Amino acid sequence: MREIIFDTETTGFDPQNGDRMVEIGCIEMIDRIETGQTFHCYYNPERTMPKAAENVHGLSDMFLSDKKLFADGAEELLAFLGEAKLVAHNAQFDFNFLNAELVLCGYKPISRFRMIDTLAIAKSKHPGAKLSLDALCSRYGIDRSHRVKHGALLDAELLTQLYIELTGGRQIGLGLADDRERSDSVAGMRPVSPRAERKTFIAPREHHADADELARHKIFIAGIDNPLWTEI
């Protein structure tokens, strides 16, 4: 099964109020294994960046000024997404911005039936707990020490690890024979189980019945009425 884990950065909270998407980062997974294929792009939002948003992701007007417009890279993005399921944290937010950008340049919005929301999964597993990406990474022991500011591809990388943990952890060795060739290509991304400790087994003790035991056994057999082996 092909899935795309993705995250976006924006100028604000609501595309209906004129906010735009300025960055998207995507990571491809097949059967819950990263393939190494990613998509990452910055976009010129054609508007100024509010200071509050810049403080979150660090993307300034100057930095974005020479980046392509979303319309100029939409086909490339759609080709990468294909028909895969799309996984995001608080996915409604990211879908709103992605679809708003697609509609602005004349494309159909992506069906929300393809949406998988890790925030909803986390709510069902940990009701009442803090459910931000940072909080959940801490809960599951995912290293985020290199995350100084939000970044779409960086957050997608963290979310990929979190998604695996939320859906049962990475399971090794359950693939079918037909998947071996593909699995080998991403084997370096699989966690390796520690080798089981070698145990020392005591050799079986030789045992032979003595004459007295054999005599008592013969008497016991003779005392059985109508033994089955006599009917063979």
C-alpha atoms as a PDB file:
ATOM      1  CA  MET A   1       0.000   0.000   0.000  1.00  0.00           C
ATOM      2  CA  ARG A   2       1.406   3.386  -1.004  1.00  0.00           C
ATOM      3  CA  GLU A   3       1.011   6.299   1.414  1.00  0.00           C
ATOM      4  CA  ILE A   4       2.339   9.850   1.388  1.00  0.00           C
ATOM      5  CA  ILE A   5       3.107  11.488   4.722  1.00  0.00           C
ATOM      6  CA  PHE A   6       3.105  15.251   4.264  1.00  0.00           C
ATOM      7  CA  ASP A   7       3.153  18.598   6.020  1.00  0.00           C
ATOM      8  CA  THR A   8       2.684  22.205   4.917  1.00  0.00           C
ATOM      9  CA  GLU A   9       3.776  25.642   6.092  1.00  0.00           C
ATOM     10  CA  THR A  10       1.539  28.638   5.448  1.00  0.00           C
ATOM     11  CA  THR A  11       1.131  32.379   5.927  1.00  0.00           C
ATOM     12  CA  GLY A  12      -1.671  31.851   8.457  1.00  0.00           C
ATOM     13  CA  PHE A  13      -4.580  29.682   9.496  1.00  0.00           C
ATOM     14  CA  ASP A  14      -7.314  30.087   6.891  1.00  0.00           C
ATOM     15  CA  PRO A  15      -7.045  30.053   3.084  1.00  0.00           C
ATOM     16  CA  GLN A  16     -10.529  31.569   2.903  1.00  0.00           C
ATOM     17  CA  ASN A  17      -9.058  34.724   4.432  1.00  0.00           C
ATOM     18  CA  GLY A  18      -6.297  34.957   1.849  1.00  0.00           C
ATOM     19  CA  ASP A  19      -3.636  32.863   3.571  1.00  0.00           C
ATOM     20  CA  ARG A  20      -1.429  30.800   1.252  1.00  0.00           C
ATOM     21  CA  MET A  21       0.714  27.692   1.380  1.00  0.00           C
ATOM     22  CA  VAL A  22       4.444  28.460   1.200  1.00  0.00           C
ATOM     23  CA  GLU A  23       6.042  25.036   1.677  1.00  0.00           C
ATOM     24  CA  ILE A  24       5.147  21.366   1.326  1.00  0.00           C
ATOM     25  CA  GLY A  25       7.177  18.303   2.262  1.00  0.00           C
ATOM     26  CA  CYS A  26       6.167  14.751   1.326  1.00  0.00           C
ATOM     27  CA  ILE A  27       7.621  11.320   2.128  1.00  0.00           C
ATOM     28  CA  GLU A  28       6.631   8.144   0.288  1.00  0.00           C
ATOM     29  CA  MET A  29       5.971   4.924   2.167  1.00  0.00           C
ATOM     30  CA  ILE A  30       5.080   1.537   0.733  1.00  0.00           C
ATOM     31  CA  ASP A  31       3.741  -1.066   3.162  1.00  0.00           C
ATOM     32  CA  ARG A  32       4.805   1.270   5.997  1.00  0.00           C
ATOM     33  CA  ILE A  33       8.430   1.350   4.883  1.00  0.00           C
ATOM     34  CA  GLU A  34      10.081   4.555   3.680  1.00  0.00           C
ATOM     35  CA  THR A  35      11.235   4.203   0.094  1.00  0.00           C
ATOM     36  CA  GLY A  36      13.594   7.172   0.140  1.00  0.00           C
ATOM     37  CA  GLN A  37      11.414   9.088  -2.359  1.00  0.00           C
ATOM     38  CA  THR A  38      10.490  12.591  -1.210  1.00  0.00           C
ATOM     39  CA  PHE A  39       8.979  15.784  -2.590  1.00  0.00           C
ATOM     40  CA  HIS A  40       9.831  19.189  -1.156  1.00  0.00           C
ATOM     41  CA  CYS A  41       9.096  22.640  -2.518  1.00  0.00           C
ATOM     42  CA  TYR A  42       8.819  26.294  -1.420  1.00  0.00           C
ATOM     43  CA  TYR A  43       6.257  28.595  -3.066  1.00  0.00           C
ATOM     44  CA  ASN A  44       6.013  32.342  -3.484  1.00  0.00           C
ATOM     45  CA  PRO A  45       2.666  33.210  -1.820  1.00  0.00           C
ATOM     46  CA  GLU A  46       2.293  36.499  -3.732  1.00  0.00           C
ATOM     47  CA  ARG A  47       1.593  38.281  -0.475  1.00  0.00           C
ATOM     48  CA  THR A  48       3.530  39.443   2.575  1.00  0.00           C
ATOM     49  CA  MET A  49       4.434  37.024   5.346  1.00  0.00           C
ATOM     50  CA  PRO A  50       2.924  37.945   8.740  1.00  0.00           C
ATOM     51  CA  LYS A  51       5.563  38.194  11.448  1.00  0.00           C
ATOM     52  CA  ALA A  52       3.760  35.661  13.647  1.00  0.00           C
ATOM     53  CA  ALA A  53       3.908  33.037  10.885  1.00  0.00           C
ATOM     54  CA  GLU A  54       7.555  33.806  10.096  1.00  0.00           C
ATOM     55  CA  ASN A  55       8.408  33.276  13.767  1.00  0.00           C
ATOM     56  CA  VAL A  56       7.014  29.739  13.498  1.00  0.00           C
ATOM     57  CA  HIS A  57       8.725  28.533  10.318  1.00  0.00           C
ATOM     58  CA  GLY A  58      11.371  31.149   9.587  1.00  0.00           C
ATOM     59  CA  LEU A  59      10.311  31.720   5.968  1.00  0.00           C
ATOM     60  CA  SER A  60      10.644  35.416   5.152  1.00  0.00           C
ATOM     61  CA  ASP A  61       9.392  37.509   2.247  1.00  0.00           C
ATOM     62  CA  MET A  62      12.957  37.823   0.974  1.00  0.00           C
ATOM     63  CA  PHE A  63      13.566  34.063   1.068  1.00  0.00           C
ATOM     64  CA  LEU A  64      10.317  33.284  -0.771  1.00  0.00           C
ATOM     65  CA  SER A  65      10.559  36.095  -3.301  1.00  0.00           C
ATOM     66  CA  ASP A  66      12.424  34.054  -5.934  1.00  0.00           C
ATOM     67  CA  LYS A  67      10.537  30.783  -5.414  1.00  0.00           C
ATOM     68  CA  LYS A  68       8.107  29.393  -7.990  1.00  0.00           C
ATOM     69  CA  LEU A  69       4.379  29.965  -7.820  1.00  0.00           C
ATOM     70  CA  PHE A  70       2.268  26.996  -6.756  1.00  0.00           C
ATOM     71  CA  ALA A  71       0.598  26.990 -10.183  1.00  0.00           C
ATOM     72  CA  ASP A  72       4.003  26.463 -11.810  1.00  0.00           C
ATOM     73  CA  GLY A  73       4.693  23.316  -9.774  1.00  0.00           C
ATOM     74  CA  ALA A  74       1.219  21.851  -9.271  1.00  0.00           C
ATOM     75  CA  GLU A  75       1.531  19.127 -11.898  1.00  0.00           C
ATOM     76  CA  GLU A  76       4.825  17.928 -10.448  1.00  0.00           C
ATOM     77  CA  LEU A  77       3.286  17.700  -6.984  1.00  0.00           C
ATOM     78  CA  LEU A  78       0.167  15.899  -8.213  1.00  0.00           C
ATOM     79  CA  ALA A  79       2.321  13.405 -10.103  1.00  0.00           C
ATOM     80  CA  PHE A  80       4.206  12.598  -6.900  1.00  0.00           C
ATOM     81  CA  LEU A  81       1.019  12.247  -4.836  1.00  0.00           C
ATOM     82  CA  GLY A  82      -0.618   9.975  -7.399  1.00  0.00           C
ATOM     83  CA  GLU A  83      -3.576   8.121  -5.907  1.00  0.00           C
ATOM     84  CA  ALA A  84      -1.911   7.384  -2.576  1.00  0.00           C
ATOM     85  CA  LYS A  85      -3.481   7.865   0.825  1.00  0.00           C
ATOM     86  CA  LEU A  86      -2.329  11.173   2.323  1.00  0.00           C
ATOM     87  CA  VAL A  87      -1.264  11.241   5.976  1.00  0.00           C
ATOM     88  CA  ALA A  88      -0.974  14.493   7.942  1.00  0.00           C
ATOM     89  CA  HIS A  89      -1.200  15.682  11.553  1.00  0.00           C
ATOM     90  CA  ASN A  90      -4.382  17.718  11.925  1.00  0.00           C
ATOM     91  CA  ALA A  91      -4.951  16.770   8.306  1.00  0.00           C
ATOM     92  CA  GLN A  92      -7.987  19.000   7.860  1.00  0.00           C
ATOM     93  CA  PHE A  93      -5.707  22.053   8.075  1.00  0.00           C
ATOM     94  CA  ASP A  94      -3.241  20.781   5.462  1.00  0.00           C
ATOM     95  CA  PHE A  95      -5.988  19.551   3.127  1.00  0.00           C
ATOM     96  CA  ASN A  96      -7.715  22.936   3.295  1.00  0.00           C
ATOM     97  CA  PHE A  97      -4.578  24.713   2.113  1.00  0.00           C
ATOM     98  CA  LEU A  98      -3.566  22.099  -0.466  1.00  0.00           C
ATOM     99  CA  ASN A  99      -7.010  22.019  -2.035  1.00  0.00           C
ATOM    100  CA  ALA A 100      -7.352  25.799  -1.955  1.00  0.00           C
ATOM    101  CA  GLU A 101      -4.104  26.112  -3.914  1.00  0.00           C
ATOM    102  CA  LEU A 102      -5.219  23.470  -6.425  1.00  0.00           C
ATOM    103  CA  VAL A 103      -8.572  25.164  -7.002  1.00  0.00           C
ATOM    104  CA  LEU A 104      -6.892  28.568  -7.451  1.00  0.00           C
ATOM    105  CA  CYS A 105      -4.950  27.253 -10.427  1.00  0.00           C
ATOM    106  CA  GLY A 106      -7.787  25.276 -11.968  1.00  0.00           C
ATOM    107  CA  TYR A 107      -7.301  21.750 -10.597  1.00  0.00           C
ATOM    108  CA  LYS A 108      -9.848  19.571  -8.829  1.00  0.00           C
ATOM    109  CA  PRO A 109      -9.488  19.317  -5.058  1.00  0.00           C
ATOM    110  CA  ILE A 110      -8.169  16.050  -3.627  1.00  0.00           C
ATOM    111  CA  SER A 111     -10.843  13.808  -2.139  1.00  0.00           C
ATOM    112  CA  ARG A 112     -10.920  13.782   1.633  1.00  0.00           C
ATOM    113  CA  PHE A 113     -11.558  10.033   1.481  1.00  0.00           C
ATOM    114  CA  ARG A 114      -7.801   9.819   0.884  1.00  0.00           C
ATOM    115  CA  MET A 115      -7.068  11.652   4.144  1.00  0.00           C
ATOM    116  CA  ILE A 116      -5.559   9.942   7.189  1.00  0.00           C
ATOM    117  CA  ASP A 117      -5.341  12.196  10.250  1.00  0.00           C
ATOM    118  CA  THR A 118      -2.745  11.188  12.841  1.00  0.00           C
ATOM    119  CA  LEU A 119      -4.252  13.693  15.274  1.00  0.00           C
ATOM    120  CA  ALA A 120      -7.542  11.742  15.217  1.00  0.00           C
ATOM    121  CA  ILE A 121      -5.643   8.469  15.702  1.00  0.00           C
ATOM    122  CA  ALA A 122      -3.739   9.956  18.648  1.00  0.00           C
ATOM    123  CA  LYS A 123      -6.961  11.258  20.242  1.00  0.00           C
ATOM    124  CA  SER A 124      -8.448   7.761  20.219  1.00  0.00           C
ATOM    125  CA  LYS A 125      -5.294   6.235  21.708  1.00  0.00           C
ATOM    126  CA  HIS A 126      -4.468   8.941  24.252  1.00  0.00           C
ATOM    127  CA  PRO A 127      -7.660  10.802  25.246  1.00  0.00           C
ATOM    128  CA  GLY A 128      -6.959  13.869  27.337  1.00  0.00           C
ATOM    129  CA  ALA A 129      -3.227  13.913  26.570  1.00  0.00           C
ATOM    130  CA  LYS A 130      -1.257  16.615  24.765  1.00  0.00           C
ATOM    131  CA  LEU A 131      -1.437  15.774  21.083  1.00  0.00           C
ATOM    132  CA  SER A 132       0.888  18.224  19.347  1.00  0.00           C
ATOM    133  CA  LEU A 133       3.574  16.717  17.128  1.00  0.00           C
ATOM    134  CA  ASP A 134       6.207  17.712  19.703  1.00  0.00           C
ATOM    135  CA  ALA A 135       4.281  16.144  22.594  1.00  0.00           C
ATOM    136  CA  LEU A 136       3.649  12.898  20.732  1.00  0.00           C
ATOM    137  CA  CYS A 137       7.273  12.629  19.625  1.00  0.00           C
ATOM    138  CA  SER A 138       8.266  12.935  23.294  1.00  0.00           C
ATOM    139  CA  ARG A 139       5.721  10.280  24.284  1.00  0.00           C
ATOM    140  CA  TYR A 140       7.066   7.807  21.726  1.00  0.00           C
ATOM    141  CA  GLY A 141      10.747   8.635  22.172  1.00  0.00           C
ATOM    142  CA  ILE A 142      11.204  10.127  18.688  1.00  0.00           C
ATOM    143  CA  ASP A 143      14.281  12.354  18.526  1.00  0.00           C
ATOM    144  CA  ARG A 144      13.379  15.928  17.550  1.00  0.00           C
ATOM    145  CA  SER A 145      16.467  17.643  18.944  1.00  0.00           C
ATOM    146  CA  HIS A 146      17.315  18.950  15.449  1.00  0.00           C
ATOM    147  CA  ARG A 147      13.937  20.689  15.114  1.00  0.00           C
ATOM    148  CA  VAL A 148      14.558  24.370  15.905  1.00  0.00           C
ATOM    149  CA  LYS A 149      11.698  25.754  13.783  1.00  0.00           C
ATOM    150  CA  HIS A 150       8.839  24.153  11.902  1.00  0.00           C
ATOM    151  CA  GLY A 151       9.746  22.886   8.443  1.00  0.00           C
ATOM    152  CA  ALA A 152       7.471  20.908   6.127  1.00  0.00           C
ATOM    153  CA  LEU A 153       9.905  18.143   5.185  1.00  0.00           C
ATOM    154  CA  LEU A 154      11.417  17.891   8.657  1.00  0.00           C
ATOM    155  CA  ASP A 155       7.971  17.659  10.237  1.00  0.00           C
ATOM    156  CA  ALA A 156       6.941  15.055   7.662  1.00  0.00           C
ATOM    157  CA  GLU A 157       9.986  12.998   8.646  1.00  0.00           C
ATOM    158  CA  LEU A 158       8.991  13.144  12.317  1.00  0.00           C
ATOM    159  CA  LEU A 159       5.384  12.387  11.422  1.00  0.00           C
ATOM    160  CA  THR A 160       6.457   9.330   9.450  1.00  0.00           C
ATOM    161  CA  GLN A 161       8.015   7.852  12.592  1.00  0.00           C
ATOM    162  CA  LEU A 162       5.024   8.862  14.694  1.00  0.00           C
ATOM    163  CA  TYR A 163       2.538   7.366  12.225  1.00  0.00           C
ATOM    164  CA  ILE A 164       4.330   4.019  12.411  1.00  0.00           C
ATOM    165  CA  GLU A 165       4.193   4.097  16.215  1.00  0.00           C
ATOM    166  CA  LEU A 166       0.534   5.123  16.318  1.00  0.00           C
ATOM    167  CA  THR A 167      -0.449   2.283  14.008  1.00  0.00           C
ATOM    168  CA  GLY A 168       1.280  -0.487  15.900  1.00  0.00           C
ATOM    169  CA  GLY A 169       4.993   0.001  15.402  1.00  0.00           C
ATOM    170  CA  ARG A 170       7.175  -1.303  12.604  1.00  0.00           C
ATOM    171  CA  GLN A 171       6.688  -5.010  12.044  1.00  0.00           C
ATOM    172  CA  ILE A 172       9.563  -6.914  10.506  1.00  0.00           C
ATOM    173  CA  GLY A 173       9.504 -10.089   8.467  1.00  0.00           C
ATOM    174  CA  LEU A 174       5.784 -10.170   7.724  1.00  0.00           C
ATOM    175  CA  GLY A 175       6.100  -9.382   4.013  1.00  0.00           C
ATOM    176  CA  LEU A 176       5.210 -11.956   1.369  1.00  0.00           C
ATOM    177  CA  ALA A 177       7.797 -13.498  -0.894  1.00  0.00           C
ATOM    178  CA  ASP A 178       6.765 -11.217  -3.748  1.00  0.00           C
ATOM    179  CA  ASP A 179       7.744  -8.184  -1.638  1.00  0.00           C
ATOM    180  CA  ARG A 180      11.318  -9.321  -0.986  1.00  0.00           C
ATOM    181  CA  GLU A 181      12.922  -7.517  -3.907  1.00  0.00           C
ATOM    182  CA  ARG A 182      11.311  -4.202  -3.001  1.00  0.00           C
ATOM    183  CA  SER A 183      12.001  -4.698   0.700  1.00  0.00           C
ATOM    184  CA  ASP A 184      15.688  -5.323   0.008  1.00  0.00           C
ATOM    185  CA  SER A 185      15.956  -1.891  -1.616  1.00  0.00           C
ATOM    186  CA  VAL A 186      14.912  -0.201   1.619  1.00  0.00           C
ATOM    187  CA  ALA A 187      16.411  -2.717   4.019  1.00  0.00           C
ATOM    188  CA  GLY A 188      18.739  -0.086   5.414  1.00  0.00           C
ATOM    189  CA  MET A 189      15.696   1.764   6.768  1.00  0.00           C
ATOM    190  CA  ARG A 190      14.375  -1.217   8.697  1.00  0.00           C
ATOM    191  CA  PRO A 191      15.224  -1.456  12.381  1.00  0.00           C
ATOM    192  CA  VAL A 192      17.273  -4.572  13.078  1.00  0.00           C
ATOM    193  CA  SER A 193      16.187  -6.804  15.907  1.00  0.00           C
ATOM    194  CA  PRO A 194      18.979  -7.653  18.362  1.00  0.00           C
ATOM    195  CA  ARG A 195      20.317 -11.145  17.932  1.00  0.00           C
ATOM    196  CA  ALA A 196      18.924 -13.558  20.467  1.00  0.00           C
ATOM    197  CA  GLU A 197      21.426 -14.747  23.032  1.00  0.00           C
ATOM    198  CA  ARG A 198      22.791 -18.210  22.381  1.00  0.00           C
ATOM    199  CA  LYS A 199      21.727 -20.690  25.043  1.00  0.00           C
ATOM    200  CA  THR A 200      23.806 -23.633  26.167  1.00  0.00           C
ATOM    201  CA  PHE A 201      21.779 -26.816  26.286  1.00  0.00           C
ATOM    202  CA  ILE A 202      22.735 -29.802  28.430  1.00  0.00           C
ATOM    203  CA  ALA A 203      23.136 -32.980  26.409  1.00  0.00           C
ATOM    204  CA  PRO A 204      20.433 -35.595  27.122  1.00  0.00           C
ATOM    205  CA  ARG A 205      21.394 -38.171  29.745  1.00  0.00           C
ATOM    206  CA  GLU A 206      21.671 -41.734  28.485  1.00  0.00           C
ATOM    207  CA  HIS A 207      19.270 -44.064  30.296  1.00  0.00           C
ATOM    208  CA  HIS A 208      18.917 -47.830  30.003  1.00  0.00           C
ATOM    209  CA  ALA A 209      16.425 -49.907  31.977  1.00  0.00           C
ATOM    210  CA  ASP A 210      18.084 -52.478  34.249  1.00  0.00           C
ATOM    211  CA  ALA A 211      17.056 -56.162  34.479  1.00  0.00           C
ATOM    212  CA  ASP A 212      14.649 -55.578  37.392  1.00  0.00           C
ATOM    213  CA  GLU A 213      12.809 -52.779  35.521  1.00  0.00           C
ATOM    214  CA  LEU A 214      12.504 -54.927  32.406  1.00  0.00           C
ATOM    215  CA  ALA A 215      11.073 -57.835  34.437  1.00  0.00           C
ATOM    216  CA  ARG A 216       8.465 -55.631  36.122  1.00  0.00           C
ATOM    217  CA  HIS A 217       7.493 -54.143  32.758  1.00  0.00           C
ATOM    218  CA  LYS A 218       6.965 -57.662  31.306  1.00  0.00           C
ATOM    219  CA  ILE A 219       4.666 -58.560  34.203  1.00  0.00           C
ATOM    220  CA  PHE A 220       2.718 -55.293  33.731  1.00  0.00           C
ATOM    221  CA  ILE A 221       2.173 -55.948  30.010  1.00  0.00           C
ATOM    222  CA  ALA A 222       1.066 -59.521  30.673  1.00  0.00           C
ATOM    223  CA  GLY A 223      -1.611 -58.299  33.082  1.00  0.00           C
ATOM    224  CA  ILE A 224      -3.418 -56.123  30.511  1.00  0.00           C
ATOM    225  CA  ASP A 225      -6.717 -57.661  29.386  1.00  0.00           C
ATOM    226  CA  ASN A 226      -7.376 -57.754  25.640  1.00  0.00           C
ATOM    227  CA  PRO A 227      -4.528 -55.459  24.570  1.00  0.00           C
ATOM    228  CA  LEU A 228      -5.134 -53.654  21.288  1.00  0.00           C
ATOM    229  CA  TRP A 229      -1.863 -54.786  19.734  1.00  0.00           C
ATOM    230  CA  THR A 230      -3.054 -58.426  19.753  1.00  0.00           C
ATOM    231  CA  GLU A 231      -5.790 -57.469  17.283  1.00  0.00           C
ATOM    232  CA  ILE A 232      -3.361 -56.306  14.603  1.00  0.00           C
END
